[in-house]
Amino acid sequence: MQFNIQPLRSKDEITALRSLYEGYLKSIYWSENEMITILTGLFKEVRSDEILNIFQQHLATKHTHIKSLNAVFESTGIVAEMSAFESIKCLCKQITATTQNTSRGVVRDAAYIVLVQHIVHSQIASYGTLKAFAITLKEEEEEIVDVFDVHLMDEKLFDLNLSNIAEAYVNEEAANKEI
């Protein structure tokens, strides 16, 4: 499939797209910082050592993402500010409610997987969008597009790892438990 991407026609279109780009960059920056808090909080809540290990590995990835996003802010001259992503805020509240309303075990682990995956799917969409915007806006440094591409691949791998665990045993075990 080939896309017929038209060049931006006016300065107003470029300004509007640049504004969207900056907004998404600030939102993903907030989201990455929020995921650090979420993952850290889940360490003591998950039952599965396998899930714990994947969360811990991804936490290290999140710290790397923050550093490279700071570099993107600096190289583009955009102020490194956070802008809350409302849908992710709601998912964070659901994670808190899950912790409060379930006991530690496989059902809770299954709930954490699905809620974290919802956040990750949002991040995948955001990084794909940021990459496309950076290409369209012809950001001077090719490294910026590469940063978004690496982050996109990291999130896809994390999502795949969580799906593999869920499909391997968590979902089946959770289905056999009473809530």
Foldseek 3Di string as FASTA:
>chain_A
DDDDDDADDDPVSLVVLVVVLLQLLQAVLQLLVVLLVVLVVCLVQEDDPLVNVLSVVVNVVSVVLNVVSVVVCVLVVNPNHHDHDVVLVVLSVVLVVLSVPDHHDLLSLLSVLVSVLVSLVVLLVSLVSSLVSCVSSVRPDPVSNVSSVVSNVSSVVSNVSSVCVCVVPSVVVNVVDDD
